[in-house]
Amino acid sequence: MFKLLLFIGIIVGVYYVFFAKKKSLKAPENDLSLEEAMIPCATCDTYIQSKEALMSAGKYYCCSECLKNKDKK
């Protein structure tokens, strides 16, 4: 009985060492989630990527025209 349990334990151990996918604990280096975040324009509510947005006074704008007209909304 002990030999059978030992044999099964060895088989399971070999499986985990060679075939089981290992999970990475560190974040991926090319994480593009922040660059691709879509945010609304403060003036016209058009969604734009955060890397292309213009920021003024803590608010995001889609273009210079909306930035000039920021007080009209």
C-alpha atoms as a PDB file:
ATOM      1  CA  MET A   1       0.000   0.000   0.000  1.00  0.00           C
ATOM      2  CA  PHE A   2       2.810   2.386   0.924  1.00  0.00           C
ATOM      3  CA  LYS A   3       4.604   1.641  -2.350  1.00  0.00           C
ATOM      4  CA  LEU A   4       1.444   2.464  -4.325  1.00  0.00           C
ATOM      5  CA  LEU A   5       0.995   5.814  -2.553  1.00  0.00           C
ATOM      6  CA  LEU A   6       4.676   6.620  -3.033  1.00  0.00           C
ATOM      7  CA  PHE A   7       4.448   5.781  -6.743  1.00  0.00           C
ATOM      8  CA  ILE A   8       1.348   7.997  -7.186  1.00  0.00           C
ATOM      9  CA  GLY A   9       3.096  10.804  -5.297  1.00  0.00           C
ATOM     10  CA  ILE A  10       6.114  10.587  -7.578  1.00  0.00           C
ATOM     11  CA  ILE A  11       3.905  10.627 -10.699  1.00  0.00           C
ATOM     12  CA  VAL A  12       2.021  13.711  -9.430  1.00  0.00           C
ATOM     13  CA  GLY A  13       5.310  15.427  -8.518  1.00  0.00           C
ATOM     14  CA  VAL A  14       6.789  14.794 -11.976  1.00  0.00           C
ATOM     15  CA  TYR A  15       3.615  16.129 -13.584  1.00  0.00           C
ATOM     16  CA  TYR A  16       3.769  19.394 -11.623  1.00  0.00           C
ATOM     17  CA  VAL A  17       7.482  19.869 -12.232  1.00  0.00           C
ATOM     18  CA  PHE A  18       7.409  19.308 -15.994  1.00  0.00           C
ATOM     19  CA  PHE A  19       3.861  19.852 -17.267  1.00  0.00           C
ATOM     20  CA  ALA A  20       1.962  22.221 -14.993  1.00  0.00           C
ATOM     21  CA  LYS A  21       1.899  25.846 -16.129  1.00  0.00           C
ATOM     22  CA  LYS A  22       3.593  28.126 -13.681  1.00  0.00           C
ATOM     23  CA  LYS A  23       1.876  31.357 -12.703  1.00  0.00           C
ATOM     24  CA  SER A  24       3.958  34.486 -12.825  1.00  0.00           C
ATOM     25  CA  LEU A  25       3.915  36.563  -9.664  1.00  0.00           C
ATOM     26  CA  LYS A  26       5.227  39.750 -11.250  1.00  0.00           C
ATOM     27  CA  ALA A  27       3.222  42.023 -13.508  1.00  0.00           C
ATOM     28  CA  PRO A  28       3.865  41.905 -17.243  1.00  0.00           C
ATOM     29  CA  GLU A  29       6.430  44.454 -18.369  1.00  0.00           C
ATOM     30  CA  ASN A  30       4.439  45.563 -21.414  1.00  0.00           C
ATOM     31  CA  ASP A  31       1.217  46.395 -19.602  1.00  0.00           C
ATOM     32  CA  LEU A  32      -0.719  48.619 -22.014  1.00  0.00           C
ATOM     33  CA  SER A  33      -3.901  48.851 -19.937  1.00  0.00           C
ATOM     34  CA  LEU A  34      -3.110  52.389 -18.749  1.00  0.00           C
ATOM     35  CA  GLU A  35      -2.289  53.604 -22.254  1.00  0.00           C
ATOM     36  CA  GLU A  36      -5.513  52.175 -23.670  1.00  0.00           C
ATOM     37  CA  ALA A  37      -7.843  53.507 -20.981  1.00  0.00           C
ATOM     38  CA  MET A  38     -10.789  55.368 -22.492  1.00  0.00           C
ATOM     39  CA  ILE A  39     -11.884  58.505 -20.667  1.00  0.00           C
ATOM     40  CA  PRO A  40     -14.661  61.002 -21.456  1.00  0.00           C
ATOM     41  CA  CYS A  41     -13.976  64.569 -22.524  1.00  0.00           C
ATOM     42  CA  ALA A  42     -15.100  67.019 -19.835  1.00  0.00           C
ATOM     43  CA  THR A  43     -16.841  69.230 -22.426  1.00  0.00           C
ATOM     44  CA  CYS A  44     -18.422  66.989 -25.072  1.00  0.00           C
ATOM     45  CA  ASP A  45     -18.353  63.547 -23.334  1.00  0.00           C
ATOM     46  CA  THR A  46     -16.547  61.954 -26.295  1.00  0.00           C
ATOM     47  CA  TYR A  47     -14.425  59.011 -25.181  1.00  0.00           C
ATOM     48  CA  ILE A  48     -10.747  59.225 -26.069  1.00  0.00           C
ATOM     49  CA  GLN A  49      -7.608  57.331 -25.099  1.00  0.00           C
ATOM     50  CA  SER A  50      -5.935  58.755 -22.021  1.00  0.00           C
ATOM     51  CA  LYS A  51      -2.577  59.010 -23.809  1.00  0.00           C
ATOM     52  CA  GLU A  52      -4.126  61.306 -26.455  1.00  0.00           C
ATOM     53  CA  ALA A  53      -6.155  63.472 -24.090  1.00  0.00           C
ATOM     54  CA  LEU A  54      -5.334  67.040 -23.133  1.00  0.00           C
ATOM     55  CA  MET A  55      -5.406  67.708 -19.395  1.00  0.00           C
ATOM     56  CA  SER A  56      -6.164  71.019 -17.729  1.00  0.00           C
ATOM     57  CA  ALA A  57      -7.111  71.644 -14.091  1.00  0.00           C
ATOM     58  CA  GLY A  58      -7.458  67.893 -13.460  1.00  0.00           C
ATOM     59  CA  LYS A  59      -9.941  67.337 -16.314  1.00  0.00           C
ATOM     60  CA  TYR A  60      -9.404  65.631 -19.662  1.00  0.00           C
ATOM     61  CA  TYR A  61     -10.334  67.150 -23.030  1.00  0.00           C
ATOM     62  CA  CYS A  62     -10.407  65.564 -26.483  1.00  0.00           C
ATOM     63  CA  CYS A  63      -9.101  68.558 -28.450  1.00  0.00           C
ATOM     64  CA  SER A  64      -7.962  72.140 -28.073  1.00  0.00           C
ATOM     65  CA  GLU A  65     -11.401  73.351 -29.178  1.00  0.00           C
ATOM     66  CA  CYS A  66     -13.074  71.622 -26.218  1.00  0.00           C
ATOM     67  CA  LEU A  67     -10.340  72.962 -23.955  1.00  0.00           C
ATOM     68  CA  LYS A  68     -11.160  76.517 -25.049  1.00  0.00           C
ATOM     69  CA  ASN A  69     -14.899  75.940 -24.554  1.00  0.00           C
ATOM     70  CA  LYS A  70     -14.551  74.266 -21.147  1.00  0.00           C
ATOM     71  CA  ASP A  71     -16.699  76.840 -19.356  1.00  0.00           C
ATOM     72  CA  LYS A  72     -19.718  76.427 -21.656  1.00  0.00           C
ATOM     73  CA  LYS A  73     -20.873  73.060 -20.314  1.00  0.00           C
END
